[in-house]
Amino acid sequence: MKLAARAQRLKPSATLAISAKAKALKAEGIDVVGFGAGEPDFDTPDNIKEEAIRAIKEGFTKYTPVGGIDELKNAIISRLKEDHGLEYAKSEIIVSCGAKHVLYNLSQALFEEGDEVIIPSPYWVSYPEQVTLAGATPVFIETNEEEGFKIDPDRLRRLITKKTKAIILNYPCNPTGATYTEEELKVIAEIALDAGLLIVSDEIYEKILYNGLTHTPVAKLGEDVKKITVLVNGVSKSYSMTGWRIGYAAGDKRIIEAMSNLQGQSTSNPTSISQRAAVEALKGPQDEVRRMVLEFEKRKNYVVERLNSIPGFRCFNPQGAFYVFPNISGFFGKRYSGKEIRSSVDFTEFLLEEAKVAVVPGIEFGADGYIRISYATSMEEIEKGMNRIEEAVGKLR
């Protein structure tokens, strides 16, 4: 049987593949330090779990409205207003099975053959794949560590054509941890407005920021910017609820309606129990979020310091999220066990084979001179992993 061309073009998720490989080795009794997973290692807070149990006991286990229950939409609206002063109607909110599902629905609802979508590189692995699945063409705007992995406005203007339909923003960014100031966002928003572009703003890591930085949603920059922005978020990262699969979008009513229609013909509603848990996450105490961020910052500082002390590494200091994206091009051309390291894939294989440390190769994010390391694991595992990496690269010649 012949597969559809779109299925044959589709690449598997590299981050999930690396995590699966590390888990398989662990199942064989091999001690592997896993730096691949993009999920907090903290447990979901008790108040959220208790609300889910209460929902089950109350029999809240049936179908719900396709785009989410009113109680959750109201909680999202309240959180956006309380945190950022943004105001949305329920008709401008959709709840889906995770932020990835939101982004997929959005691509399917908006993009088609002949469209171009600008994606900053390095990028989260699913952005280009989802754009391609919709029949559109991803156009990459390169960023670099010398400029803080941020979009250069002049470069952005040069990339815009008559076919350009949207730009995808992700800040704090996976994989780099870079974020934007309000002034930097204003410049990007003005360019989008002038060119008539839609802004897809993935802000899933908005609460995980360091050094006292605060998050500014691009939709907050004015009513005209809000109208062209679809804000994407969820509860997975901030509330350690990755497995609960709840994401949401806020934006123009017509776009949200189209996404809901798509969802109604695919997954239908997100899990009823998870929706009730998400209401508690958004409306309940926020203390656990702050506690997690403080712990992430300690880990981040340790990892950046350790990597920058190892000859061959050069590590950008992230401002948010829970990843570092070190430059490993200094190891290209070096050898181990008769093999030469020529790429991030080679270096990733080297670390897994020689150090029993799992990371994600930068090529999957559009940057072959880098690797992504997640520090969403215990400090004990981080220290062990850093020690193994330092010992292993010391043997390269």
Protein backbone atom coordinates (compact mmCIF):
# COMPACT_ATOMS: atom_id res chain seq x y z
CA MET A 1 0.00 0.00 0.00
CA LYS A 2 1.35 3.40 -0.97
CA LEU A 3 1.44 6.05 1.73
CA ALA A 4 0.27 9.58 1.04
CA ALA A 5 3.09 11.89 -0.04
CA ARG A 6 2.61 14.13 3.01
CA ALA A 7 3.11 11.15 5.33
CA GLN A 8 6.29 10.16 3.51
CA ARG A 9 7.67 13.71 3.79
CA LEU A 10 6.95 13.96 7.50
CA LYS A 11 9.89 13.57 9.90
CA PRO A 12 9.42 11.95 13.33
CA SER A 13 9.90 14.19 16.37
CA ALA A 14 13.61 14.12 17.21
CA THR A 15 13.05 15.07 20.85
CA LEU A 16 10.59 12.23 21.39
CA ALA A 17 12.89 9.83 19.53
CA ILE A 18 15.89 10.71 21.71
CA SER A 19 13.84 10.36 24.90
CA ALA A 20 12.53 6.98 23.72
CA LYS A 21 16.07 5.77 22.95
CA ALA A 22 17.31 6.85 26.39
CA LYS A 23 14.37 5.09 28.08
CA ALA A 24 15.03 1.92 26.05
CA LEU A 25 18.67 1.88 27.19
CA LYS A 26 17.58 2.42 30.79
CA ALA A 27 15.16 -0.52 30.44
CA GLU A 28 18.18 -2.65 29.49
CA GLY A 29 19.82 -1.68 32.75
CA ILE A 30 22.16 0.93 31.25
CA ASP A 31 22.56 4.10 33.32
CA VAL A 32 21.75 6.91 30.87
CA VAL A 33 21.42 10.56 31.81
CA GLY A 34 18.54 11.92 29.77
CA PHE A 35 18.80 15.58 28.73
CA GLY A 36 16.35 15.21 25.86
CA ALA A 37 12.89 15.60 27.38
CA GLY A 38 11.05 18.89 27.11
CA GLU A 39 9.00 18.49 30.25
CA PRO A 40 9.42 19.58 33.88
CA ASP A 41 10.52 16.82 36.24
CA PHE A 42 8.32 18.22 39.02
CA ASP A 43 5.06 16.51 39.87
CA THR A 44 1.79 18.22 39.02
CA PRO A 45 0.79 20.29 42.08
CA ASP A 46 -1.55 18.50 44.50
CA ASN A 47 -4.42 20.99 44.23
CA ILE A 48 -4.59 20.31 40.48
CA LYS A 49 -4.53 16.54 40.91
CA GLU A 50 -7.20 16.74 43.59
CA GLU A 51 -9.49 18.68 41.27
CA ALA A 52 -9.10 15.97 38.62
CA ILE A 53 -10.01 13.30 41.17
CA ARG A 54 -13.01 15.35 42.21
CA ALA A 55 -14.09 15.60 38.57
CA ILE A 56 -13.93 11.81 38.20
CA LYS A 57 -15.90 11.23 41.38
CA GLU A 58 -18.54 13.71 40.26
CA GLY A 59 -18.91 11.85 36.97
CA PHE A 60 -17.43 14.63 34.83
CA THR A 61 -16.26 12.04 32.32
CA LYS A 62 -18.43 12.68 29.25
CA TYR A 63 -18.06 14.67 26.05
CA THR A 64 -17.74 18.43 26.46
CA PRO A 65 -18.14 21.21 23.89
CA VAL A 66 -15.55 20.74 21.13
CA GLY A 67 -13.57 23.89 21.90
CA GLY A 68 -13.55 23.49 25.69
CA ILE A 69 -15.89 24.04 28.63
CA ASP A 70 -17.02 27.56 29.49
CA GLU A 71 -15.46 27.28 32.95
CA LEU A 72 -12.01 26.74 31.43
CA LYS A 73 -12.47 29.44 28.80
CA ASN A 74 -13.42 31.85 31.58
CA ALA A 75 -10.33 30.82 33.57
CA ILE A 76 -8.13 31.48 30.53
CA ILE A 77 -9.78 34.85 29.97
CA SER A 78 -9.27 35.78 33.63
CA ARG A 79 -5.62 34.69 33.65
CA LEU A 80 -4.83 36.68 30.49
CA LYS A 81 -6.51 39.76 31.94
CA GLU A 82 -4.93 39.43 35.40
CA ASP A 83 -1.42 38.71 34.10
CA HIS A 84 -1.32 40.98 31.06
CA GLY A 85 -4.42 43.19 30.90
CA LEU A 86 -5.58 41.39 27.75
CA GLU A 87 -9.32 41.05 27.17
CA TYR A 88 -10.92 38.29 25.10
CA ALA A 89 -14.45 36.96 24.64
CA LYS A 90 -15.25 33.25 24.95
CA SER A 91 -15.78 33.13 21.19
CA GLU A 92 -12.10 34.12 20.82
CA ILE A 93 -10.79 31.17 22.87
CA ILE A 94 -10.27 27.53 21.91
CA VAL A 95 -8.97 24.69 24.08
CA SER A 96 -7.21 21.77 22.39
CA CYS A 97 -5.24 18.62 23.24
CA GLY A 98 -2.03 20.49 24.06
CA ALA A 99 -0.42 23.57 22.51
CA LYS A 100 1.01 21.39 19.72
CA HIS A 101 -2.55 20.45 18.75
CA VAL A 102 -3.51 24.14 18.82
CA LEU A 103 -0.67 24.95 16.43
CA TYR A 104 -1.59 22.06 14.13
CA ASN A 105 -5.22 23.19 13.96
CA LEU A 106 -4.04 26.74 13.30
CA SER A 107 -1.80 25.67 10.40
CA GLN A 108 -4.57 23.59 8.88
CA ALA A 109 -7.10 26.40 9.22
CA LEU A 110 -4.89 29.16 7.79
CA PHE A 111 -2.14 27.90 5.52
CA GLU A 112 -2.32 26.32 2.09
CA GLU A 113 -0.34 25.78 -1.08
CA GLY A 114 1.23 29.01 -2.27
CA ASP A 115 1.57 30.50 1.21
CA GLU A 116 4.88 31.23 2.91
CA VAL A 117 5.33 31.26 6.67
CA ILE A 118 8.40 32.88 8.24
CA ILE A 119 9.96 30.86 11.06
CA PRO A 120 12.95 32.10 13.10
CA SER A 121 15.79 29.58 13.23
CA PRO A 122 16.72 27.86 15.52
CA TYR A 123 13.11 26.71 15.78
CA TRP A 124 10.98 24.21 17.65
CA VAL A 125 11.02 21.05 15.55
CA SER A 126 7.29 20.91 14.77
CA TYR A 127 6.81 24.39 13.27
CA PRO A 128 8.18 23.65 9.77
CA GLU A 129 6.63 20.19 9.69
CA GLN A 130 3.16 21.53 10.51
CA VAL A 131 3.46 24.31 7.92
CA THR A 132 4.56 21.78 5.30
CA LEU A 133 1.69 19.44 6.18
CA ALA A 134 -0.71 22.28 5.44
CA GLY A 135 0.83 22.58 1.95
CA ALA A 136 2.57 25.88 2.68
CA THR A 137 6.29 26.69 2.54
CA PRO A 138 8.36 27.43 5.66
CA VAL A 139 10.81 30.28 5.14
CA PHE A 140 13.56 30.46 7.74
CA ILE A 141 14.99 33.65 9.14
CA GLU A 142 18.39 32.89 10.65
CA THR A 143 19.25 34.20 14.11
CA ASN A 144 22.59 33.81 15.85
CA GLU A 145 24.01 33.77 19.35
CA GLU A 146 26.01 36.96 18.80
CA GLU A 147 22.68 38.79 18.40
CA GLY A 148 21.03 36.90 21.25
CA PHE A 149 19.19 34.53 18.89
CA LYS A 150 16.74 37.34 18.04
CA ILE A 151 15.15 38.40 14.77
CA ASP A 152 17.01 41.10 12.86
CA PRO A 153 14.30 43.52 11.60
CA ASP A 154 16.10 44.32 8.33
CA ARG A 155 16.56 40.62 7.59
CA LEU A 156 12.85 40.09 8.31
CA ARG A 157 11.78 42.84 5.91
CA ARG A 158 13.90 41.34 3.12
CA LEU A 159 12.28 37.93 3.52
CA ILE A 160 8.69 39.13 3.16
CA THR A 161 7.12 38.51 -0.25
CA LYS A 162 3.60 38.65 -1.69
CA LYS A 163 3.24 35.02 -0.65
CA THR A 164 4.12 35.61 3.00
CA LYS A 165 1.06 34.98 5.17
CA ALA A 166 2.41 34.76 8.70
CA ILE A 167 5.36 34.82 11.05
CA ILE A 168 5.73 32.42 13.96
CA LEU A 169 7.19 33.78 17.19
CA ASN A 170 8.23 31.58 20.10
CA TYR A 171 9.48 33.30 23.23
CA PRO A 172 10.97 32.33 25.56
CA CYS A 173 12.30 30.11 22.80
CA ASN A 174 12.70 26.38 22.56
CA PRO A 175 15.58 25.57 21.99
CA THR A 176 17.64 28.71 22.71
CA GLY A 177 15.93 30.17 25.79
CA ALA A 178 16.05 33.64 24.20
CA THR A 179 13.20 36.09 24.70
CA TYR A 180 12.18 39.58 23.54
CA THR A 181 11.76 42.93 25.24
CA GLU A 182 8.63 44.99 24.62
CA GLU A 183 10.59 47.40 22.42
CA GLU A 184 11.96 44.56 20.28
CA LEU A 185 8.45 43.14 19.87
CA LYS A 186 7.10 46.53 18.79
CA VAL A 187 9.50 46.61 15.84
CA ILE A 188 8.48 43.10 14.72
CA ALA A 189 4.79 43.92 15.16
CA GLU A 190 5.09 47.07 13.06
CA ILE A 191 6.71 45.10 10.26
CA ALA A 192 3.89 42.52 10.43
CA LEU A 193 1.25 45.24 10.38
CA ASP A 194 2.84 47.02 7.40
CA ALA A 195 3.02 43.76 5.44
CA GLY A 196 -0.44 42.51 6.45
CA LEU A 197 0.93 39.40 8.15
CA LEU A 198 -0.60 37.23 10.85
CA ILE A 199 1.51 36.73 13.98
CA VAL A 200 1.39 33.26 15.53
CA SER A 201 2.81 33.80 19.01
CA ASP A 202 3.73 30.62 20.89
CA GLU A 203 4.16 31.74 24.51
CA ILE A 204 4.06 28.35 26.24
CA TYR A 205 7.17 29.18 28.35
CA GLU A 206 5.96 32.66 29.37
CA LYS A 207 6.16 32.01 33.12
CA ILE A 208 9.62 30.46 33.01
CA LEU A 209 11.82 33.56 32.92
CA TYR A 210 15.00 34.43 34.83
CA ASN A 211 16.87 37.39 36.28
CA GLY A 212 13.65 39.22 37.11
CA LEU A 213 12.55 39.44 33.47
CA THR A 214 8.84 39.78 32.72
CA HIS A 215 6.88 38.54 29.73
CA THR A 216 5.08 40.84 27.29
CA PRO A 217 2.55 39.16 24.97
CA VAL A 218 2.83 40.68 21.51
CA ALA A 219 -0.98 40.99 21.50
CA LYS A 220 -0.63 43.55 24.30
CA LEU A 221 1.06 46.08 22.02
CA GLY A 222 -2.18 47.61 20.78
CA GLU A 223 -5.60 46.70 19.44
CA ASP A 224 -4.30 46.66 15.87
CA VAL A 225 -1.57 44.15 16.82
CA LYS A 226 -4.00 42.06 18.86
CA LYS A 227 -6.26 41.69 15.80
CA ILE A 228 -3.48 40.09 13.74
CA THR A 229 -2.14 37.89 16.56
CA VAL A 230 -3.09 34.40 17.62
CA LEU A 231 -1.70 33.83 21.12
CA VAL A 232 -0.88 30.17 21.85
CA ASN A 233 -0.29 28.87 25.37
CA GLY A 234 -1.13 25.99 27.69
CA VAL A 235 -0.67 24.48 31.12
CA SER A 236 1.97 21.85 30.29
CA LYS A 237 5.20 23.72 31.09
CA SER A 238 4.20 26.25 33.75
CA TYR A 239 2.15 23.81 35.84
CA SER A 240 4.08 20.60 35.05
CA MET A 241 1.05 19.12 33.28
CA THR A 242 2.61 17.77 30.07
CA GLY A 243 0.62 14.52 30.11
CA TRP A 244 -2.71 16.23 30.76
CA ARG A 245 -2.69 17.62 27.18
CA ILE A 246 -4.34 21.02 27.53
CA GLY A 247 -3.36 23.95 25.31
CA TYR A 248 -5.29 26.98 24.17
CA ALA A 249 -5.37 29.84 21.70
CA ALA A 250 -6.77 33.35 21.90
CA GLY A 251 -7.42 35.31 18.75
CA ASP A 252 -9.77 36.49 16.03
CA LYS A 253 -13.23 34.91 16.26
CA ARG A 254 -13.21 33.68 12.65
CA ILE A 255 -9.87 31.92 13.08
CA ILE A 256 -10.94 30.34 16.36
CA GLU A 257 -14.19 29.15 14.78
CA ALA A 258 -12.31 27.55 11.88
CA MET A 259 -9.96 25.80 14.29
CA SER A 260 -12.94 24.53 16.31
CA ASN A 261 -14.58 23.15 13.16
CA LEU A 262 -11.38 21.26 12.34
CA GLN A 263 -11.14 19.97 15.88
CA GLY A 264 -14.75 18.80 15.72
CA GLN A 265 -13.87 16.57 12.77
CA SER A 266 -10.68 15.18 14.29
CA THR A 267 -10.25 14.85 18.05
CA SER A 268 -13.45 16.53 19.27
CA ASN A 269 -13.05 17.91 22.80
CA PRO A 270 -9.95 17.75 25.00
CA THR A 271 -10.25 15.33 27.92
CA SER A 272 -13.01 16.45 30.28
CA ILE A 273 -11.03 15.60 33.43
CA SER A 274 -7.95 17.46 32.22
CA GLN A 275 -10.06 20.52 31.51
CA ARG A 276 -11.28 20.62 35.09
CA ALA A 277 -7.68 20.23 36.31
CA ALA A 278 -6.59 23.10 34.05
CA VAL A 279 -9.28 25.35 35.56
CA GLU A 280 -7.71 24.77 38.97
CA ALA A 281 -4.21 25.36 37.58
CA LEU A 282 -5.17 28.76 36.17
CA LYS A 283 -7.44 29.90 39.00
CA GLY A 284 -5.69 28.32 41.98
CA PRO A 285 -2.52 29.32 43.88
CA GLN A 286 0.48 30.16 41.67
CA ASP A 287 3.14 29.52 44.34
CA GLU A 288 4.33 26.23 42.82
CA VAL A 289 5.03 27.94 39.50
CA ARG A 290 7.36 30.42 41.17
CA ARG A 291 9.05 27.63 43.14
CA MET A 292 9.73 25.64 39.97
CA VAL A 293 11.16 28.68 38.19
CA LEU A 294 13.57 29.38 41.05
CA GLU A 295 14.81 25.78 40.89
CA PHE A 296 15.13 25.91 37.10
CA GLU A 297 17.21 29.08 37.40
CA LYS A 298 19.65 27.40 39.80
CA ARG A 299 20.05 24.50 37.39
CA LYS A 300 20.45 26.81 34.41
CA ASN A 301 23.20 28.80 36.08
CA TYR A 302 25.06 25.60 36.99
CA VAL A 303 24.81 24.08 33.50
CA VAL A 304 25.89 27.28 31.71
CA GLU A 305 28.87 27.72 34.03
CA ARG A 306 29.94 24.09 33.66
CA LEU A 307 29.66 24.00 29.88
CA ASN A 308 31.53 27.29 29.43
CA SER A 309 34.35 25.91 31.57
CA ILE A 310 34.84 22.92 29.23
CA PRO A 311 37.15 23.66 26.26
CA GLY A 312 35.25 23.31 22.99
CA PHE A 313 31.86 24.45 24.28
CA ARG A 314 30.40 27.92 23.99
CA CYS A 315 27.08 28.29 25.78
CA PHE A 316 24.60 31.17 25.41
CA ASN A 317 23.00 32.11 28.74
CA PRO A 318 19.25 31.58 28.25
CA GLN A 319 16.71 34.05 29.62
CA GLY A 320 13.84 31.58 29.89
CA ALA A 321 12.45 28.08 29.22
CA PHE A 322 14.48 25.11 30.54
CA TYR A 323 17.03 24.41 27.82
CA VAL A 324 20.57 25.43 26.97
CA PHE A 325 21.72 25.42 23.36
CA PRO A 326 25.51 25.23 23.44
CA ASN A 327 27.69 25.68 20.37
CA ILE A 328 29.64 22.45 19.78
CA SER A 329 31.27 23.32 16.46
CA GLY A 330 34.62 23.44 18.31
CA PHE A 331 34.51 19.63 18.40
CA PHE A 332 34.01 19.20 14.65
CA GLY A 333 36.95 17.44 13.06
CA LYS A 334 37.89 15.62 16.27
CA ARG A 335 37.83 11.83 16.48
CA TYR A 336 36.88 8.97 18.78
CA SER A 337 37.02 5.21 18.24
CA GLY A 338 38.09 5.81 14.66
CA LYS A 339 35.08 8.07 13.93
CA GLU A 340 35.22 11.75 13.04
CA ILE A 341 32.72 14.24 14.45
CA ARG A 342 31.37 16.25 11.53
CA SER A 343 27.89 17.23 12.70
CA SER A 344 25.58 17.63 15.67
CA VAL A 345 24.23 14.14 14.96
CA ASP A 346 27.76 12.71 15.20
CA PHE A 347 28.34 14.56 18.46
CA THR A 348 25.01 13.38 19.87
CA GLU A 349 25.87 9.78 19.01
CA PHE A 350 29.29 10.23 20.59
CA LEU A 351 27.76 11.46 23.87
CA LEU A 352 25.26 8.60 23.96
CA GLU A 353 27.86 5.94 23.15
CA GLU A 354 30.81 7.22 25.17
CA ALA A 355 29.22 9.21 28.01
CA LYS A 356 25.78 7.58 28.19
CA VAL A 357 24.22 11.04 28.00
CA ALA A 358 21.24 11.74 25.73
CA VAL A 359 20.90 15.20 24.12
CA VAL A 360 19.14 16.41 20.96
CA PRO A 361 21.22 17.33 17.87
CA GLY A 362 20.93 20.96 16.80
CA ILE A 363 20.27 20.04 13.17
CA GLU A 364 16.71 19.16 14.21
CA PHE A 365 16.23 22.80 15.22
CA GLY A 366 17.89 24.13 12.07
CA ALA A 367 21.32 24.73 13.68
CA ASP A 368 23.85 21.97 13.07
CA GLY A 369 26.60 23.53 15.17
CA TYR A 370 24.63 23.09 18.40
CA ILE A 371 22.96 20.59 20.70
CA ARG A 372 19.99 21.08 22.98
CA ILE A 373 20.29 20.10 26.63
CA SER A 374 17.19 20.11 28.83
CA TYR A 375 17.84 20.81 32.50
CA ALA A 376 14.33 19.73 33.47
CA THR A 377 15.78 16.97 35.60
CA SER A 378 17.25 16.68 39.07
CA MET A 379 20.44 18.48 40.06
CA GLU A 380 21.94 15.09 40.87
CA GLU A 381 21.36 13.92 37.30
CA ILE A 382 22.60 17.25 35.91
CA GLU A 383 25.86 17.04 37.85
CA LYS A 384 26.35 13.44 36.79
CA GLY A 385 25.66 14.31 33.16
CA MET A 386 28.01 17.31 33.15
CA ASN A 387 30.79 15.21 34.69
CA ARG A 388 30.32 12.52 32.06
CA ILE A 389 30.31 15.05 29.21
CA GLU A 390 33.47 16.74 30.48
CA GLU A 391 35.25 13.41 30.83
CA ALA A 392 34.15 12.18 27.41
CA VAL A 393 35.09 15.26 25.39
CA GLY A 394 38.46 15.29 27.13
CA LYS A 395 39.25 12.09 25.23
CA LEU A 396 38.57 13.57 21.80
CA ARG A 397 41.60 14.10 19.62
